[in-house]
C-alpha atoms as a PDB file:
ATOM      1  CA  MET A   1     -17.787  -6.190 -20.288  1.00  0.00           C
ATOM      2  CA  ASN A   2     -14.334  -4.667 -19.851  1.00  0.00           C
ATOM      3  CA  ARG A   3     -12.455  -2.957 -22.666  1.00  0.00           C
ATOM      4  CA  LYS A   4      -9.819  -5.706 -23.056  1.00  0.00           C
ATOM      5  CA  PHE A   5     -12.556  -8.297 -23.508  1.00  0.00           C
ATOM      6  CA  ARG A   6     -14.375  -6.105 -26.064  1.00  0.00           C
ATOM      7  CA  ILE A   7     -11.135  -5.599 -27.981  1.00  0.00           C
ATOM      8  CA  ALA A   8     -10.312  -9.317 -27.784  1.00  0.00           C
ATOM      9  CA  LEU A   9     -13.804 -10.071 -29.079  1.00  0.00           C
ATOM     10  CA  SER A  10     -13.215  -7.720 -32.020  1.00  0.00           C
ATOM     11  CA  CYS A  11      -9.717  -9.067 -32.681  1.00  0.00           C
ATOM     12  CA  SER A  12     -10.840 -12.697 -32.541  1.00  0.00           C
ATOM     13  CA  SER A  13     -13.031 -12.158 -35.601  1.00  0.00           C
ATOM     14  CA  PHE A  14      -9.953 -10.955 -37.509  1.00  0.00           C
ATOM     15  CA  TYR A  15      -7.812 -13.783 -36.148  1.00  0.00           C
ATOM     16  CA  PRO A  16     -10.076 -16.859 -36.262  1.00  0.00           C
ATOM     17  CA  GLU A  17      -7.146 -19.288 -36.131  1.00  0.00           C
ATOM     18  CA  HIS A  18      -6.307 -18.098 -32.606  1.00  0.00           C
ATOM     19  CA  PRO A  19      -6.764 -21.063 -30.234  1.00  0.00           C
ATOM     20  CA  ASP A  20      -9.209 -19.122 -28.028  1.00  0.00           C
ATOM     21  CA  SER A  21     -11.254 -17.382 -30.741  1.00  0.00           C
ATOM     22  CA  ASP A  22     -14.247 -19.719 -30.403  1.00  0.00           C
ATOM     23  CA  ASN A  23     -14.362 -19.295 -26.624  1.00  0.00           C
ATOM     24  CA  ILE A  24     -14.146 -15.524 -26.889  1.00  0.00           C
ATOM     25  CA  ASN A  25     -16.788 -15.338 -29.624  1.00  0.00           C
ATOM     26  CA  LYS A  26     -19.168 -17.521 -27.583  1.00  0.00           C
ATOM     27  CA  GLY A  27     -18.580 -15.442 -24.438  1.00  0.00           C
ATOM     28  CA  LYS A  28     -17.070 -18.418 -22.591  1.00  0.00           C
ATOM     29  CA  MET A  29     -13.721 -16.777 -21.993  1.00  0.00           C
ATOM     30  CA  THR A  30     -13.707 -13.931 -19.491  1.00  0.00           C
ATOM     31  CA  ASP A  31      -9.959 -13.938 -18.770  1.00  0.00           C
ATOM     32  CA  THR A  32      -8.415 -12.772 -22.034  1.00  0.00           C
ATOM     33  CA  SER A  33      -4.788 -12.841 -20.842  1.00  0.00           C
ATOM     34  CA  ARG A  34      -3.993 -15.958 -22.915  1.00  0.00           C
ATOM     35  CA  PHE A  35      -5.462 -14.271 -25.963  1.00  0.00           C
ATOM     36  CA  TRP A  36      -3.280 -11.201 -25.513  1.00  0.00           C
ATOM     37  CA  LYS A  37      -0.167 -13.238 -24.756  1.00  0.00           C
ATOM     38  CA  HIS A  38      -0.610 -15.039 -28.058  1.00  0.00           C
ATOM     39  CA  MET A  39      -1.186 -11.709 -29.819  1.00  0.00           C
ATOM     40  CA  ASP A  40       2.038 -10.230 -28.362  1.00  0.00           C
ATOM     41  CA  TYR A  41      -0.066  -7.683 -26.486  1.00  0.00           C
ATOM     42  CA  LYS A  42       1.985  -5.747 -23.946  1.00  0.00           C
ATOM     43  CA  GLU A  43       0.341  -4.011 -21.020  1.00  0.00           C
ATOM     44  CA  THR A  44       1.429  -0.390 -20.798  1.00  0.00           C
ATOM     45  CA  LYS A  45       3.456   0.450 -17.733  1.00  0.00           C
ATOM     46  CA  LYS A  46       1.350   2.251 -15.132  1.00  0.00           C
ATOM     47  CA  MET A  47       2.117   5.861 -14.389  1.00  0.00           C
ATOM     48  CA  SER A  48       3.087   6.678 -10.821  1.00  0.00           C
ATOM     49  CA  LEU A  49       2.570   9.952  -9.004  1.00  0.00           C
ATOM     50  CA  ASP A  50       4.841   8.656  -6.236  1.00  0.00           C
ATOM     51  CA  LYS A  51       7.687   8.173  -8.745  1.00  0.00           C
ATOM     52  CA  LEU A  52       7.180  11.720 -10.024  1.00  0.00           C
ATOM     53  CA  LYS A  53       7.418  12.997  -6.446  1.00  0.00           C
ATOM     54  CA  GLU A  54      10.622  10.984  -5.917  1.00  0.00           C
ATOM     55  CA  LYS A  55      12.145  12.436  -9.113  1.00  0.00           C
ATOM     56  CA  ILE A  56      11.296  15.967  -7.993  1.00  0.00           C
ATOM     57  CA  LYS A  57      12.804  15.418  -4.540  1.00  0.00           C
ATOM     58  CA  ALA A  58      15.936  13.870  -6.052  1.00  0.00           C
ATOM     59  CA  HIS A  59      16.567  16.918  -8.262  1.00  0.00           C
ATOM     60  CA  PRO A  60      19.939  18.525  -7.423  1.00  0.00           C
ATOM     61  CA  ASP A  61      18.278  21.944  -7.027  1.00  0.00           C
ATOM     62  CA  TYR A  62      15.426  20.711  -4.827  1.00  0.00           C
ATOM     63  CA  SER A  63      16.593  23.015  -2.020  1.00  0.00           C
ATOM     64  CA  LYS A  64      15.416  25.963  -4.173  1.00  0.00           C
ATOM     65  CA  VAL A  65      11.873  24.558  -4.343  1.00  0.00           C
ATOM     66  CA  GLY A  66       9.157  26.293  -2.320  1.00  0.00           C
ATOM     67  CA  MET A  67       6.198  24.650  -4.046  1.00  0.00           C
ATOM     68  CA  VAL A  68       5.409  21.575  -6.104  1.00  0.00           C
ATOM     69  CA  LEU A  69       2.122  21.450  -7.957  1.00  0.00           C
ATOM     70  CA  TYR A  70       0.672  18.332  -9.582  1.00  0.00           C
ATOM     71  CA  HIS A  71      -2.013  17.839 -12.212  1.00  0.00           C
ATOM     72  CA  ASN A  72      -3.758  14.454 -12.461  1.00  0.00           C
ATOM     73  CA  GLY A  73      -5.958  14.191 -15.568  1.00  0.00           C
ATOM     74  CA  VAL A  74      -8.603  11.464 -15.375  1.00  0.00           C
ATOM     75  CA  VAL A  75     -10.967   9.968 -17.975  1.00  0.00           C
ATOM     76  CA  ARG A  76     -14.366  11.417 -17.101  1.00  0.00           C
ATOM     77  CA  LEU A  77     -17.788   9.930 -17.843  1.00  0.00           C
ATOM     78  CA  THR A  78     -18.990  12.663 -20.206  1.00  0.00           C
ATOM     79  CA  THR A  79     -17.661  14.902 -22.942  1.00  0.00           C
ATOM     80  CA  ARG A  80     -17.772  18.664 -22.450  1.00  0.00           C
ATOM     81  CA  ASP A  81     -21.104  18.698 -24.293  1.00  0.00           C
ATOM     82  CA  GLY A  82     -22.611  15.940 -22.130  1.00  0.00           C
ATOM     83  CA  GLN A  83     -22.233  12.819 -24.286  1.00  0.00           C
ATOM     84  CA  GLU A  84     -21.507   9.666 -22.291  1.00  0.00           C
ATOM     85  CA  VAL A  85     -17.999   8.285 -22.761  1.00  0.00           C
ATOM     86  CA  THR A  86     -16.813   4.713 -22.230  1.00  0.00           C
ATOM     87  CA  GLY A  87     -13.130   5.644 -22.475  1.00  0.00           C
ATOM     88  CA  LEU A  88     -10.481   7.322 -24.573  1.00  0.00           C
ATOM     89  CA  SER A  89      -7.118   6.887 -26.237  1.00  0.00           C
ATOM     90  CA  LEU A  90      -4.325   9.429 -26.754  1.00  0.00           C
ATOM     91  CA  THR A  91      -1.407   9.841 -29.101  1.00  0.00           C
ATOM     92  CA  VAL A  92       1.540  12.068 -28.218  1.00  0.00           C
ATOM     93  CA  ASP A  93       3.860  14.259 -30.288  1.00  0.00           C
ATOM     94  CA  HIS A  94       7.036  13.610 -28.264  1.00  0.00           C
ATOM     95  CA  GLY A  95       9.134  16.192 -30.086  1.00  0.00           C
ATOM     96  CA  LYS A  96       6.653  18.944 -29.288  1.00  0.00           C
ATOM     97  CA  LEU A  97       6.286  17.669 -25.700  1.00  0.00           C
ATOM     98  CA  ASN A  98      10.055  17.841 -25.137  1.00  0.00           C
ATOM     99  CA  GLN A  99      10.146  21.348 -26.617  1.00  0.00           C
ATOM    100  CA  ILE A 100       7.370  22.564 -24.301  1.00  0.00           C
ATOM    101  CA  ILE A 101       8.995  21.001 -21.238  1.00  0.00           C
ATOM    102  CA  ALA A 102      12.345  22.667 -22.084  1.00  0.00           C
ATOM    103  CA  GLU A 103      10.648  26.051 -22.538  1.00  0.00           C
ATOM    104  CA  GLN A 104       8.774  25.733 -19.241  1.00  0.00           C
ATOM    105  CA  LYS A 105      11.904  24.669 -17.333  1.00  0.00           C
ATOM    106  CA  ALA A 106      13.658  27.806 -18.589  1.00  0.00           C
ATOM    107  CA  LYS A 107      11.117  30.101 -16.908  1.00  0.00           C
ATOM    108  CA  PRO A 108      12.272  32.128 -13.891  1.00  0.00           C
ATOM    109  CA  GLY A 109      12.047  30.216 -10.621  1.00  0.00           C
ATOM    110  CA  ILE A 110      11.193  26.850 -12.174  1.00  0.00           C
ATOM    111  CA  VAL A 111      13.358  23.934 -11.056  1.00  0.00           C
ATOM    112  CA  GLU A 112      11.646  20.975 -12.738  1.00  0.00           C
ATOM    113  CA  VAL A 113       8.757  20.101 -15.062  1.00  0.00           C
ATOM    114  CA  LEU A 114       7.767  16.454 -15.523  1.00  0.00           C
ATOM    115  CA  VAL A 115       4.997  15.051 -17.728  1.00  0.00           C
ATOM    116  CA  GLU A 116       3.685  11.480 -17.998  1.00  0.00           C
ATOM    117  CA  ILE A 117       0.920  10.577 -20.443  1.00  0.00           C
ATOM    118  CA  GLN A 118      -0.841   7.254 -20.979  1.00  0.00           C
ATOM    119  CA  GLU A 119      -0.608   6.927 -24.733  1.00  0.00           C
ATOM    120  CA  ASN A 120      -1.584   4.413 -27.390  1.00  0.00           C
ATOM    121  CA  ARG A 121      -3.823   2.413 -25.104  1.00  0.00           C
ATOM    122  CA  ASP A 122      -7.526   2.378 -24.459  1.00  0.00           C
ATOM    123  CA  LEU A 123      -8.310   3.947 -21.102  1.00  0.00           C
ATOM    124  CA  ASP A 124     -11.536   3.394 -19.179  1.00  0.00           C
ATOM    125  CA  VAL A 125     -13.558   6.003 -17.305  1.00  0.00           C
ATOM    126  CA  GLY A 126     -11.788   6.782 -14.023  1.00  0.00           C
ATOM    127  CA  GLU A 127      -8.282   5.877 -15.222  1.00  0.00           C
ATOM    128  CA  ASP A 128      -5.426   8.365 -14.997  1.00  0.00           C
ATOM    129  CA  VAL A 129      -4.570   9.952 -18.344  1.00  0.00           C
ATOM    130  CA  MET A 130      -1.809  12.422 -17.571  1.00  0.00           C
ATOM    131  CA  TYR A 131       0.365  13.645 -14.725  1.00  0.00           C
ATOM    132  CA  ILE A 132       2.192  16.957 -14.741  1.00  0.00           C
ATOM    133  CA  ALA A 133       4.532  18.029 -11.948  1.00  0.00           C
ATOM    134  CA  VAL A 134       5.982  21.528 -11.691  1.00  0.00           C
ATOM    135  CA  ALA A 135       8.486  22.437  -8.971  1.00  0.00           C
ATOM    136  CA  GLY A 136       9.632  25.981  -8.400  1.00  0.00           C
ATOM    137  CA  ASP A 137      10.445  28.745  -6.004  1.00  0.00           C
ATOM    138  CA  ILE A 138       7.177  30.621  -5.412  1.00  0.00           C
ATOM    139  CA  ARG A 139       3.525  29.886  -6.099  1.00  0.00           C
ATOM    140  CA  GLU A 140       3.044  32.602  -8.730  1.00  0.00           C
ATOM    141  CA  ASN A 141       5.769  31.028 -10.887  1.00  0.00           C
ATOM    142  CA  VAL A 142       4.653  27.447 -10.270  1.00  0.00           C
ATOM    143  CA  ILE A 143       0.914  28.003 -10.814  1.00  0.00           C
ATOM    144  CA  ALA A 144       1.466  29.985 -14.020  1.00  0.00           C
ATOM    145  CA  THR A 145       3.898  27.371 -15.364  1.00  0.00           C
ATOM    146  CA  LEU A 146       1.621  24.426 -14.559  1.00  0.00           C
ATOM    147  CA  THR A 147      -1.338  26.182 -16.189  1.00  0.00           C
ATOM    148  CA  GLU A 148       0.588  27.014 -19.356  1.00  0.00           C
ATOM    149  CA  THR A 149       2.190  23.554 -19.540  1.00  0.00           C
ATOM    150  CA  LEU A 150      -1.184  21.832 -19.184  1.00  0.00           C
ATOM    151  CA  ASN A 151      -2.899  24.033 -21.765  1.00  0.00           C
ATOM    152  CA  ARG A 152      -0.085  23.636 -24.292  1.00  0.00           C
ATOM    153  CA  VAL A 153       0.184  19.862 -23.815  1.00  0.00           C
ATOM    154  CA  LYS A 154      -3.561  19.471 -24.348  1.00  0.00           C
ATOM    155  CA  SER A 155      -3.647  21.766 -27.394  1.00  0.00           C
ATOM    156  CA  GLU A 156      -0.274  21.051 -29.062  1.00  0.00           C
ATOM    157  CA  VAL A 157       0.930  17.612 -27.933  1.00  0.00           C
ATOM    158  CA  THR A 158      -1.925  15.174 -27.466  1.00  0.00           C
ATOM    159  CA  SER A 159      -4.551  13.956 -29.874  1.00  0.00           C
ATOM    160  CA  LYS A 160      -7.546  12.409 -28.122  1.00  0.00           C
ATOM    161  CA  THR A 161     -10.071   9.858 -29.359  1.00  0.00           C
ATOM    162  CA  GLN A 162     -13.078   9.527 -27.064  1.00  0.00           C
ATOM    163  CA  PHE A 163     -15.215   6.401 -27.199  1.00  0.00           C
ATOM    164  CA  ILE A 164     -18.824   7.582 -27.110  1.00  0.00           C
ATOM    165  CA  LYS A 165     -21.455   5.232 -25.702  1.00  0.00           C
END
């Protein structure tokens, strides 16, 4: 059973007047798109590593770039202590994120720092959670900046809720 169906099943009990509630509750409705349309549910725009690459290459100072490093965070099957996970959800402190990005961009040799995070939506195991792109002159600067950006985003910007099986 996918996450959208499980959420629709939960929501239908709180919204019994919905025209599809009976079908969802009886397991007869597997395509929940009508349910979500009626609930004003909006699918979150997908992140794109290709678009991040295009933004980096379009930067006016791209000629100064000698290395671009990308991080792709993915929802994994287990927690650090081995509990099985069915998914997760993140919230983001955008003010703090913008502050960290500005600080990282100001480092010597760094041309661009971009961060995309899937927030306020339930993500399944295997889905992309976060992309970070760091472009700069030499690998020592880029690797250090990506590492610090990632660690600070995870510790200061995002709040994670894991769904334990």
